[in-house]
């Protein structure tokens, strides 16, 4: 059975754009280097934070190849591959060149709101079709459906190729239920920066982080301290960022983290419609926090 290699700090990598709205491949290269040099344990590409629904097929291919080439085997790469049409996702998995990709992140089907049995059959079909390990992605706030703990555990037990779940349900009770009943080889990964400290303390294997785009060294240190049982030191880091966690998402993701990266000099503050940049008032608050943190 496949084992989870996506542990520690994973970065939900953004897609930088130039002022005229094109993918900024130079900025993306700099950002990948920054993650590698500052404690990231793996990268998650072409998922929600990467504005993937607004990328063309050619752009997604170029981003995938750039990241694979730049990482050059130094970190595992998890790639988004999901949707609400099971047959289309299966065909994509069968037809996509996944050389250099270590696993796929597959979100719960959105909009059509299947039953728990429908979710089970959807992910089972994906697991059977995928040539690489599968990480489930439960984010009810975006999909309109919650993958319940019993369904997650059922998939973990029945599908050798399903190795973990990115949990962004916002429910620590749900996380505990999965961790209590899951097979040993299966892991829970935090999908909510504000809950990462608590989830890792409860037994999660790490985080797929948005704030990590800007602050990988700090978030990585927090997680590694928890792995060593040094919870008080980790809690201090967590509490430094509690206000920032909220500000990053108040105007939608990745608007907040893109504004933060712009203030740090990494990228242009550009998103593709229907997303728009964060409000000036939010940006001002984040800038003040950065000054206080001296980052």
C-alpha atoms as a PDB file:
ATOM      1  CA  UNK A   1       0.000   0.000   0.000  1.00  0.00           C
ATOM      2  CA  UNK A   2       1.160   3.538  -0.782  1.00  0.00           C
ATOM      3  CA  UNK A   3       2.553   5.621   2.078  1.00  0.00           C
ATOM      4  CA  UNK A   4       2.132   9.373   2.563  1.00  0.00           C
ATOM      5  CA  UNK A   5       5.261  11.397   1.785  1.00  0.00           C
ATOM      6  CA  UNK A   6       3.514  14.784   2.088  1.00  0.00           C
ATOM      7  CA  UNK A   7       4.456  15.676   5.659  1.00  0.00           C
ATOM      8  CA  UNK A   8       5.492  18.909   7.376  1.00  0.00           C
ATOM      9  CA  UNK A   9       5.040  22.228   5.594  1.00  0.00           C
ATOM     10  CA  UNK A  10       3.433  22.083   2.182  1.00  0.00           C
ATOM     11  CA  UNK A  11       2.976  25.293   0.213  1.00  0.00           C
ATOM     12  CA  UNK A  12      -0.284  25.916  -1.658  1.00  0.00           C
ATOM     13  CA  UNK A  13       1.627  27.741  -4.367  1.00  0.00           C
ATOM     14  CA  UNK A  14       0.145  30.919  -5.847  1.00  0.00           C
ATOM     15  CA  UNK A  15       0.334  31.808  -9.546  1.00  0.00           C
ATOM     16  CA  UNK A  16       1.967  35.231 -10.020  1.00  0.00           C
ATOM     17  CA  UNK A  17       0.723  37.445 -12.853  1.00  0.00           C
ATOM     18  CA  UNK A  18       2.339  40.390 -14.593  1.00  0.00           C
ATOM     19  CA  UNK A  19       0.656  43.819 -14.689  1.00  0.00           C
ATOM     20  CA  UNK A  20      -0.974  42.887 -17.993  1.00  0.00           C
ATOM     21  CA  UNK A  21      -2.416  39.689 -16.538  1.00  0.00           C
ATOM     22  CA  UNK A  22      -0.082  37.086 -18.008  1.00  0.00           C
ATOM     23  CA  UNK A  23       1.560  34.354 -15.923  1.00  0.00           C
ATOM     24  CA  UNK A  24       4.800  35.743 -14.468  1.00  0.00           C
ATOM     25  CA  UNK A  25       7.099  32.746 -14.857  1.00  0.00           C
ATOM     26  CA  UNK A  26      10.151  34.654 -13.570  1.00  0.00           C
ATOM     27  CA  UNK A  27       8.359  35.566 -10.346  1.00  0.00           C
ATOM     28  CA  UNK A  28       7.141  31.965 -10.025  1.00  0.00           C
ATOM     29  CA  UNK A  29      10.724  30.717 -10.317  1.00  0.00           C
ATOM     30  CA  UNK A  30      11.848  33.112  -7.575  1.00  0.00           C
ATOM     31  CA  UNK A  31       8.978  32.006  -5.363  1.00  0.00           C
ATOM     32  CA  UNK A  32       9.791  28.308  -5.784  1.00  0.00           C
ATOM     33  CA  UNK A  33      13.426  29.015  -4.872  1.00  0.00           C
ATOM     34  CA  UNK A  34      12.275  30.980  -1.819  1.00  0.00           C
ATOM     35  CA  UNK A  35      10.196  28.034  -0.592  1.00  0.00           C
ATOM     36  CA  UNK A  36      13.021  25.540  -1.051  1.00  0.00           C
ATOM     37  CA  UNK A  37      15.496  27.784   0.741  1.00  0.00           C
ATOM     38  CA  UNK A  38      13.203  28.531   3.688  1.00  0.00           C
ATOM     39  CA  UNK A  39      11.935  25.230   5.021  1.00  0.00           C
ATOM     40  CA  UNK A  40       9.130  23.998   2.768  1.00  0.00           C
ATOM     41  CA  UNK A  41       8.830  20.204   2.813  1.00  0.00           C
ATOM     42  CA  UNK A  42       6.679  19.883  -0.322  1.00  0.00           C
ATOM     43  CA  UNK A  43       4.849  22.023  -2.878  1.00  0.00           C
ATOM     44  CA  UNK A  44       1.198  21.847  -3.874  1.00  0.00           C
ATOM     45  CA  UNK A  45       0.665  23.263  -7.350  1.00  0.00           C
ATOM     46  CA  UNK A  46      -2.327  24.025  -9.575  1.00  0.00           C
ATOM     47  CA  UNK A  47      -4.880  23.990  -6.781  1.00  0.00           C
ATOM     48  CA  UNK A  48      -7.277  26.604  -5.368  1.00  0.00           C
ATOM     49  CA  UNK A  49      -4.642  29.098  -4.229  1.00  0.00           C
ATOM     50  CA  UNK A  50      -3.010  28.899  -7.666  1.00  0.00           C
ATOM     51  CA  UNK A  51      -6.212  30.293  -9.289  1.00  0.00           C
ATOM     52  CA  UNK A  52      -6.280  27.157 -11.421  1.00  0.00           C
ATOM     53  CA  UNK A  53      -9.876  27.593 -12.702  1.00  0.00           C
ATOM     54  CA  UNK A  54      -8.687  30.765 -14.460  1.00  0.00           C
ATOM     55  CA  UNK A  55      -5.616  29.214 -16.114  1.00  0.00           C
ATOM     56  CA  UNK A  56      -5.537  27.842 -19.655  1.00  0.00           C
ATOM     57  CA  UNK A  57      -4.460  24.274 -20.373  1.00  0.00           C
ATOM     58  CA  UNK A  58      -1.212  25.575 -21.852  1.00  0.00           C
ATOM     59  CA  UNK A  59      -0.503  27.758 -18.818  1.00  0.00           C
ATOM     60  CA  UNK A  60      -1.100  24.847 -16.452  1.00  0.00           C
ATOM     61  CA  UNK A  61       1.277  22.680 -18.459  1.00  0.00           C
ATOM     62  CA  UNK A  62       3.994  25.357 -18.424  1.00  0.00           C
ATOM     63  CA  UNK A  63       3.612  25.935 -14.676  1.00  0.00           C
ATOM     64  CA  UNK A  64       3.818  22.205 -13.992  1.00  0.00           C
ATOM     65  CA  UNK A  65       6.954  21.793 -16.096  1.00  0.00           C
ATOM     66  CA  UNK A  66       8.619  24.898 -14.632  1.00  0.00           C
ATOM     67  CA  UNK A  67       8.066  23.742 -11.048  1.00  0.00           C
ATOM     68  CA  UNK A  68       9.226  20.189 -11.791  1.00  0.00           C
ATOM     69  CA  UNK A  69      12.359  21.502 -13.474  1.00  0.00           C
ATOM     70  CA  UNK A  70      13.136  24.040 -10.742  1.00  0.00           C
ATOM     71  CA  UNK A  71      12.524  21.635  -7.857  1.00  0.00           C
ATOM     72  CA  UNK A  72      14.626  18.989  -9.609  1.00  0.00           C
ATOM     73  CA  UNK A  73      13.639  16.249  -7.174  1.00  0.00           C
ATOM     74  CA  UNK A  74      14.527  18.206  -4.025  1.00  0.00           C
ATOM     75  CA  UNK A  75      10.943  18.268  -2.707  1.00  0.00           C
ATOM     76  CA  UNK A  76       7.850  16.170  -3.393  1.00  0.00           C
ATOM     77  CA  UNK A  77       5.273  17.839  -5.642  1.00  0.00           C
ATOM     78  CA  UNK A  78       1.519  17.437  -5.147  1.00  0.00           C
ATOM     79  CA  UNK A  79      -0.652  18.596  -8.061  1.00  0.00           C
ATOM     80  CA  UNK A  80      -4.321  19.517  -8.078  1.00  0.00           C
ATOM     81  CA  UNK A  81      -6.480  17.225 -10.213  1.00  0.00           C
ATOM     82  CA  UNK A  82     -10.158  17.198  -9.358  1.00  0.00           C
ATOM     83  CA  UNK A  83     -13.623  18.256 -10.437  1.00  0.00           C
ATOM     84  CA  UNK A  84     -17.311  17.464 -10.339  1.00  0.00           C
ATOM     85  CA  UNK A  85     -17.319  15.219 -13.412  1.00  0.00           C
ATOM     86  CA  UNK A  86     -15.847  11.888 -12.321  1.00  0.00           C
ATOM     87  CA  UNK A  87     -15.363  10.608 -15.861  1.00  0.00           C
ATOM     88  CA  UNK A  88     -13.491  13.776 -16.895  1.00  0.00           C
ATOM     89  CA  UNK A  89     -11.152  13.589 -13.873  1.00  0.00           C
ATOM     90  CA  UNK A  90     -10.434   9.918 -14.606  1.00  0.00           C
ATOM     91  CA  UNK A  91      -9.647  10.732 -18.241  1.00  0.00           C
ATOM     92  CA  UNK A  92      -7.384  13.597 -17.189  1.00  0.00           C
ATOM     93  CA  UNK A  93      -5.443  11.291 -14.888  1.00  0.00           C
ATOM     94  CA  UNK A  94      -5.057   8.712 -17.626  1.00  0.00           C
ATOM     95  CA  UNK A  95      -3.937  11.229 -20.244  1.00  0.00           C
ATOM     96  CA  UNK A  96      -1.738  13.635 -18.256  1.00  0.00           C
ATOM     97  CA  UNK A  97       2.023  13.189 -18.148  1.00  0.00           C
ATOM     98  CA  UNK A  98       2.640  12.887 -14.414  1.00  0.00           C
ATOM     99  CA  UNK A  99       6.380  12.312 -14.556  1.00  0.00           C
ATOM    100  CA  UNK A 100       7.913  14.449 -11.802  1.00  0.00           C
ATOM    101  CA  UNK A 101       4.606  14.613  -9.888  1.00  0.00           C
ATOM    102  CA  UNK A 102       4.515  12.610  -6.651  1.00  0.00           C
ATOM    103  CA  UNK A 103       0.793  12.735  -5.958  1.00  0.00           C
ATOM    104  CA  UNK A 104      -2.489  14.407  -6.886  1.00  0.00           C
ATOM    105  CA  UNK A 105      -4.790  16.484  -4.689  1.00  0.00           C
ATOM    106  CA  UNK A 106      -8.425  15.847  -5.592  1.00  0.00           C
ATOM    107  CA  UNK A 107     -11.168  18.102  -4.271  1.00  0.00           C
ATOM    108  CA  UNK A 108     -14.687  16.990  -3.396  1.00  0.00           C
ATOM    109  CA  UNK A 109     -17.080  17.461  -6.314  1.00  0.00           C
ATOM    110  CA  UNK A 110     -18.576  20.941  -6.161  1.00  0.00           C
ATOM    111  CA  UNK A 111     -21.998  22.276  -7.150  1.00  0.00           C
ATOM    112  CA  UNK A 112     -23.715  18.923  -7.818  1.00  0.00           C
ATOM    113  CA  UNK A 113     -23.610  17.967  -4.071  1.00  0.00           C
ATOM    114  CA  UNK A 114     -23.429  14.149  -4.173  1.00  0.00           C
ATOM    115  CA  UNK A 115     -24.351  11.855  -1.293  1.00  0.00           C
ATOM    116  CA  UNK A 116     -21.674  10.234   0.860  1.00  0.00           C
ATOM    117  CA  UNK A 117     -21.957   7.120  -1.301  1.00  0.00           C
ATOM    118  CA  UNK A 118     -21.498   9.272  -4.388  1.00  0.00           C
ATOM    119  CA  UNK A 119     -18.379  10.829  -2.851  1.00  0.00           C
ATOM    120  CA  UNK A 120     -17.041   7.385  -2.014  1.00  0.00           C
ATOM    121  CA  UNK A 121     -17.572   6.074  -5.546  1.00  0.00           C
ATOM    122  CA  UNK A 122     -16.124   9.280  -7.071  1.00  0.00           C
ATOM    123  CA  UNK A 123     -12.878   9.050  -5.118  1.00  0.00           C
ATOM    124  CA  UNK A 124     -12.637   5.296  -5.526  1.00  0.00           C
ATOM    125  CA  UNK A 125     -12.780   5.717  -9.312  1.00  0.00           C
ATOM    126  CA  UNK A 126     -10.079   8.404  -9.128  1.00  0.00           C
ATOM    127  CA  UNK A 127      -7.853   6.247  -6.931  1.00  0.00           C
ATOM    128  CA  UNK A 128      -8.173   3.313  -9.326  1.00  0.00           C
ATOM    129  CA  UNK A 129      -7.312   5.497 -12.329  1.00  0.00           C
ATOM    130  CA  UNK A 130      -4.435   7.478 -10.823  1.00  0.00           C
ATOM    131  CA  UNK A 131      -0.873   6.274 -11.492  1.00  0.00           C
ATOM    132  CA  UNK A 132       0.310   8.289  -8.451  1.00  0.00           C
ATOM    133  CA  UNK A 133      -0.980   8.469  -4.861  1.00  0.00           C
ATOM    134  CA  UNK A 134      -4.117  10.502  -4.138  1.00  0.00           C
ATOM    135  CA  UNK A 135      -4.701  13.082  -1.401  1.00  0.00           C
ATOM    136  CA  UNK A 136      -8.366  13.877  -0.782  1.00  0.00           C
ATOM    137  CA  UNK A 137      -9.358  17.517  -0.318  1.00  0.00           C
ATOM    138  CA  UNK A 138     -12.353  18.344   1.862  1.00  0.00           C
ATOM    139  CA  UNK A 139     -13.316  22.035   1.807  1.00  0.00           C
ATOM    140  CA  UNK A 140     -17.093  22.351   2.359  1.00  0.00           C
ATOM    141  CA  UNK A 141     -16.986  26.145   2.277  1.00  0.00           C
ATOM    142  CA  UNK A 142     -16.061  25.979  -1.407  1.00  0.00           C
ATOM    143  CA  UNK A 143     -17.751  22.785  -2.566  1.00  0.00           C
ATOM    144  CA  UNK A 144     -21.040  22.849  -0.662  1.00  0.00           C
ATOM    145  CA  UNK A 145     -20.537  19.264   0.539  1.00  0.00           C
ATOM    146  CA  UNK A 146     -18.712  17.783   3.533  1.00  0.00           C
ATOM    147  CA  UNK A 147     -16.783  14.533   3.214  1.00  0.00           C
ATOM    148  CA  UNK A 148     -17.759  12.969   6.522  1.00  0.00           C
ATOM    149  CA  UNK A 149     -15.168  11.212   8.715  1.00  0.00           C
ATOM    150  CA  UNK A 150     -16.708   7.782   8.211  1.00  0.00           C
ATOM    151  CA  UNK A 151     -16.499   8.185   4.420  1.00  0.00           C
ATOM    152  CA  UNK A 152     -12.901   9.397   4.630  1.00  0.00           C
ATOM    153  CA  UNK A 153     -11.928   6.409   6.789  1.00  0.00           C
ATOM    154  CA  UNK A 154     -13.792   4.024   4.487  1.00  0.00           C
ATOM    155  CA  UNK A 155     -11.854   5.340   1.493  1.00  0.00           C
ATOM    156  CA  UNK A 156      -8.569   5.147   3.420  1.00  0.00           C
ATOM    157  CA  UNK A 157      -9.214   1.503   4.291  1.00  0.00           C
ATOM    158  CA  UNK A 158     -10.548   0.414   0.890  1.00  0.00           C
ATOM    159  CA  UNK A 159      -8.241   2.278  -1.512  1.00  0.00           C
ATOM    160  CA  UNK A 160      -4.532   1.507  -1.294  1.00  0.00           C
ATOM    161  CA  UNK A 161      -3.710   4.539  -3.441  1.00  0.00           C
ATOM    162  CA  UNK A 162      -5.417   7.097  -1.171  1.00  0.00           C
ATOM    163  CA  UNK A 163      -2.776   8.233   1.313  1.00  0.00           C
ATOM    164  CA  UNK A 164      -4.067  11.372   3.065  1.00  0.00           C
ATOM    165  CA  UNK A 165      -6.723  14.048   3.274  1.00  0.00           C
ATOM    166  CA  UNK A 166      -6.313  17.800   3.243  1.00  0.00           C
ATOM    167  CA  UNK A 167      -8.946  18.733   5.828  1.00  0.00           C
ATOM    168  CA  UNK A 168     -10.405  22.229   5.608  1.00  0.00           C
ATOM    169  CA  UNK A 169     -13.805  21.582   7.143  1.00  0.00           C
ATOM    170  CA  UNK A 170     -13.003  23.885  10.063  1.00  0.00           C
ATOM    171  CA  UNK A 171     -14.047  21.166  12.510  1.00  0.00           C
ATOM    172  CA  UNK A 172     -11.443  19.919  14.967  1.00  0.00           C
ATOM    173  CA  UNK A 173     -13.986  17.351  16.111  1.00  0.00           C
ATOM    174  CA  UNK A 174     -14.094  15.965  12.570  1.00  0.00           C
ATOM    175  CA  UNK A 175     -10.290  15.906  12.394  1.00  0.00           C
ATOM    176  CA  UNK A 176     -10.106  13.994  15.688  1.00  0.00           C
ATOM    177  CA  UNK A 177     -12.653  11.477  14.439  1.00  0.00           C
ATOM    178  CA  UNK A 178     -10.590  10.753  11.321  1.00  0.00           C
ATOM    179  CA  UNK A 179      -7.303  10.514  13.224  1.00  0.00           C
ATOM    180  CA  UNK A 180      -8.849   8.182  15.799  1.00  0.00           C
ATOM    181  CA  UNK A 181     -10.203   5.716  13.222  1.00  0.00           C
ATOM    182  CA  UNK A 182      -7.859   5.964  10.214  1.00  0.00           C
ATOM    183  CA  UNK A 183      -5.377   3.283   9.129  1.00  0.00           C
ATOM    184  CA  UNK A 184      -1.816   3.946  10.308  1.00  0.00           C
ATOM    185  CA  UNK A 185      -0.524   4.591   6.773  1.00  0.00           C
ATOM    186  CA  UNK A 186      -3.117   7.330   6.137  1.00  0.00           C
ATOM    187  CA  UNK A 187      -2.552  10.936   7.266  1.00  0.00           C
ATOM    188  CA  UNK A 188      -4.559  14.085   7.908  1.00  0.00           C
ATOM    189  CA  UNK A 189      -3.060  17.334   6.592  1.00  0.00           C
ATOM    190  CA  UNK A 190      -4.287  20.743   7.691  1.00  0.00           C
ATOM    191  CA  UNK A 191      -5.932  22.827   4.994  1.00  0.00           C
ATOM    192  CA  UNK A 192      -6.638  25.784   7.272  1.00  0.00           C
ATOM    193  CA  UNK A 193      -3.723  27.935   8.439  1.00  0.00           C
ATOM    194  CA  UNK A 194      -5.567  29.148  11.535  1.00  0.00           C
ATOM    195  CA  UNK A 195      -6.089  25.541  12.700  1.00  0.00           C
ATOM    196  CA  UNK A 196      -2.704  24.081  11.757  1.00  0.00           C
ATOM    197  CA  UNK A 197      -1.267  24.407  15.271  1.00  0.00           C
ATOM    198  CA  UNK A 198      -4.255  22.615  16.811  1.00  0.00           C
ATOM    199  CA  UNK A 199      -4.468  19.978  14.101  1.00  0.00           C
ATOM    200  CA  UNK A 200      -0.774  19.055  14.290  1.00  0.00           C
ATOM    201  CA  UNK A 201      -1.081  18.898  18.083  1.00  0.00           C
ATOM    202  CA  UNK A 202      -3.944  16.425  17.546  1.00  0.00           C
ATOM    203  CA  UNK A 203      -1.882  14.232  15.231  1.00  0.00           C
ATOM    204  CA  UNK A 204      -2.028  15.788  11.767  1.00  0.00           C
ATOM    205  CA  UNK A 205       1.019  15.197   9.567  1.00  0.00           C
ATOM    206  CA  UNK A 206       1.461  18.856   8.590  1.00  0.00           C
ATOM    207  CA  UNK A 207      -0.159  21.579   6.543  1.00  0.00           C
ATOM    208  CA  UNK A 208      -0.833  22.664   2.988  1.00  0.00           C
ATOM    209  CA  UNK A 209      -0.418  26.325   3.777  1.00  0.00           C
ATOM    210  CA  UNK A 210      -1.430  29.590   2.132  1.00  0.00           C
ATOM    211  CA  UNK A 211       0.447  31.875   4.526  1.00  0.00           C
ATOM    212  CA  UNK A 212       3.519  29.713   3.916  1.00  0.00           C
ATOM    213  CA  UNK A 213       3.872  31.361   0.497  1.00  0.00           C
ATOM    214  CA  UNK A 214       5.058  34.464   2.341  1.00  0.00           C
ATOM    215  CA  UNK A 215       6.343  33.087   5.640  1.00  0.00           C
ATOM    216  CA  UNK A 216       7.667  29.549   5.051  1.00  0.00           C
ATOM    217  CA  UNK A 217      10.504  29.740   7.564  1.00  0.00           C
ATOM    218  CA  UNK A 218       8.220  30.704  10.439  1.00  0.00           C
ATOM    219  CA  UNK A 219       5.426  28.233   9.654  1.00  0.00           C
ATOM    220  CA  UNK A 220       7.908  25.428   9.060  1.00  0.00           C
ATOM    221  CA  UNK A 221       9.548  26.110  12.406  1.00  0.00           C
ATOM    222  CA  UNK A 222       6.177  25.989  14.189  1.00  0.00           C
ATOM    223  CA  UNK A 223       5.307  22.606  12.693  1.00  0.00           C
ATOM    224  CA  UNK A 224       8.743  21.123  13.370  1.00  0.00           C
ATOM    225  CA  UNK A 225       8.624  22.275  16.981  1.00  0.00           C
ATOM    226  CA  UNK A 226       5.297  20.496  17.381  1.00  0.00           C
ATOM    227  CA  UNK A 227       6.698  17.323  15.856  1.00  0.00           C
ATOM    228  CA  UNK A 228       9.357  17.436  18.580  1.00  0.00           C
ATOM    229  CA  UNK A 229       6.759  17.988  21.299  1.00  0.00           C
ATOM    230  CA  UNK A 230       7.825  21.591  21.964  1.00  0.00           C
ATOM    231  CA  UNK A 231       4.286  22.924  21.975  1.00  0.00           C
ATOM    232  CA  UNK A 232       4.832  26.085  24.005  1.00  0.00           C
ATOM    233  CA  UNK A 233       7.486  27.396  21.599  1.00  0.00           C
ATOM    234  CA  UNK A 234       5.258  26.458  18.652  1.00  0.00           C
ATOM    235  CA  UNK A 235       2.265  28.171  20.257  1.00  0.00           C
ATOM    236  CA  UNK A 236       4.209  31.428  20.526  1.00  0.00           C
ATOM    237  CA  UNK A 237       4.789  31.384  16.745  1.00  0.00           C
ATOM    238  CA  UNK A 238       1.139  30.511  16.115  1.00  0.00           C
ATOM    239  CA  UNK A 239      -0.094  33.411  18.233  1.00  0.00           C
ATOM    240  CA  UNK A 240       2.144  35.877  16.362  1.00  0.00           C
ATOM    241  CA  UNK A 241       0.099  35.225  13.230  1.00  0.00           C
ATOM    242  CA  UNK A 242      -3.477  34.845  14.482  1.00  0.00           C
ATOM    243  CA  UNK A 243      -4.607  38.264  13.209  1.00  0.00           C
ATOM    244  CA  UNK A 244      -2.801  37.720   9.920  1.00  0.00           C
ATOM    245  CA  UNK A 245      -4.589  34.394   9.388  1.00  0.00           C
ATOM    246  CA  UNK A 246      -7.929  36.217   9.350  1.00  0.00           C
ATOM    247  CA  UNK A 247      -6.760  39.122   7.192  1.00  0.00           C
ATOM    248  CA  UNK A 248      -5.394  36.795   4.523  1.00  0.00           C
ATOM    249  CA  UNK A 249      -8.848  35.364   3.836  1.00  0.00           C
ATOM    250  CA  UNK A 250     -11.232  38.224   4.588  1.00  0.00           C
ATOM    251  CA  UNK A 251     -11.257  39.330   0.918  1.00  0.00           C
ATOM    252  CA  UNK A 252     -10.928  35.846  -0.516  1.00  0.00           C
ATOM    253  CA  UNK A 253      -8.026  33.563  -1.283  1.00  0.00           C
ATOM    254  CA  UNK A 254      -5.414  34.179  -2.706  1.00  0.00           C
ATOM    255  CA  UNK A 255      -6.080  37.933  -2.637  1.00  0.00           C
ATOM    256  CA  UNK A 256      -4.671  38.294   0.871  1.00  0.00           C
ATOM    257  CA  UNK A 257      -1.460  36.344   0.411  1.00  0.00           C
ATOM    258  CA  UNK A 258      -0.827  37.964  -2.975  1.00  0.00           C
ATOM    259  CA  UNK A 259      -1.068  41.387  -1.342  1.00  0.00           C
ATOM    260  CA  UNK A 260       1.348  40.219   1.341  1.00  0.00           C
ATOM    261  CA  UNK A 261       3.810  38.879  -1.238  1.00  0.00           C
ATOM    262  CA  UNK A 262       3.540  42.147  -3.154  1.00  0.00           C
ATOM    263  CA  UNK A 263       4.404  44.114  -0.019  1.00  0.00           C
ATOM    264  CA  UNK A 264       7.417  41.820   0.425  1.00  0.00           C
ATOM    265  CA  UNK A 265       8.557  42.545  -3.141  1.00  0.00           C
ATOM    266  CA  UNK A 266       7.970  39.123  -4.676  1.00  0.00           C
ATOM    267  CA  UNK A 267       5.107  39.669  -7.123  1.00  0.00           C
ATOM    268  CA  UNK A 268       2.715  42.157  -8.711  1.00  0.00           C
ATOM    269  CA  UNK A 269      -0.585  42.405  -6.847  1.00  0.00           C
ATOM    270  CA  UNK A 270      -2.621  41.028  -9.753  1.00  0.00           C
ATOM    271  CA  UNK A 271      -5.386  38.401  -9.804  1.00  0.00           C
ATOM    272  CA  UNK A 272      -7.639  37.143 -12.586  1.00  0.00           C
ATOM    273  CA  UNK A 273     -11.349  37.860 -12.560  1.00  0.00           C
ATOM    274  CA  UNK A 274     -13.613  37.025 -10.912  1.00  0.00           C
ATOM    275  CA  UNK A 275     -11.048  37.525  -8.126  1.00  0.00           C
ATOM    276  CA  UNK A 276      -9.865  41.053  -7.345  1.00  0.00           C
ATOM    277  CA  UNK A 277      -7.090  42.439  -5.098  1.00  0.00           C
ATOM    278  CA  UNK A 278      -7.695  42.784  -1.379  1.00  0.00           C
ATOM    279  CA  UNK A 279      -9.101  46.054  -0.065  1.00  0.00           C
ATOM    280  CA  UNK A 280      -6.754  48.898   0.815  1.00  0.00           C
ATOM    281  CA  UNK A 281      -7.850  48.776   4.459  1.00  0.00           C
ATOM    282  CA  UNK A 282      -6.964  45.072   4.683  1.00  0.00           C
ATOM    283  CA  UNK A 283      -3.631  45.672   2.994  1.00  0.00           C
ATOM    284  CA  UNK A 284      -2.804  48.478   5.425  1.00  0.00           C
ATOM    285  CA  UNK A 285      -3.513  46.232   8.404  1.00  0.00           C
ATOM    286  CA  UNK A 286      -1.314  43.463   6.990  1.00  0.00           C
ATOM    287  CA  UNK A 287       1.493  45.939   6.291  1.00  0.00           C
ATOM    288  CA  UNK A 288       1.374  47.157   9.895  1.00  0.00           C
ATOM    289  CA  UNK A 289       1.578  43.576  11.157  1.00  0.00           C
ATOM    290  CA  UNK A 290       4.576  42.904   8.918  1.00  0.00           C
ATOM    291  CA  UNK A 291       6.347  45.919  10.400  1.00  0.00           C
ATOM    292  CA  UNK A 292       5.605  44.683  13.909  1.00  0.00           C
ATOM    293  CA  UNK A 293       6.906  41.211  13.074  1.00  0.00           C
ATOM    294  CA  UNK A 294       9.991  42.718  11.406  1.00  0.00           C
ATOM    295  CA  UNK A 295       9.722  40.321   8.469  1.00  0.00           C
END
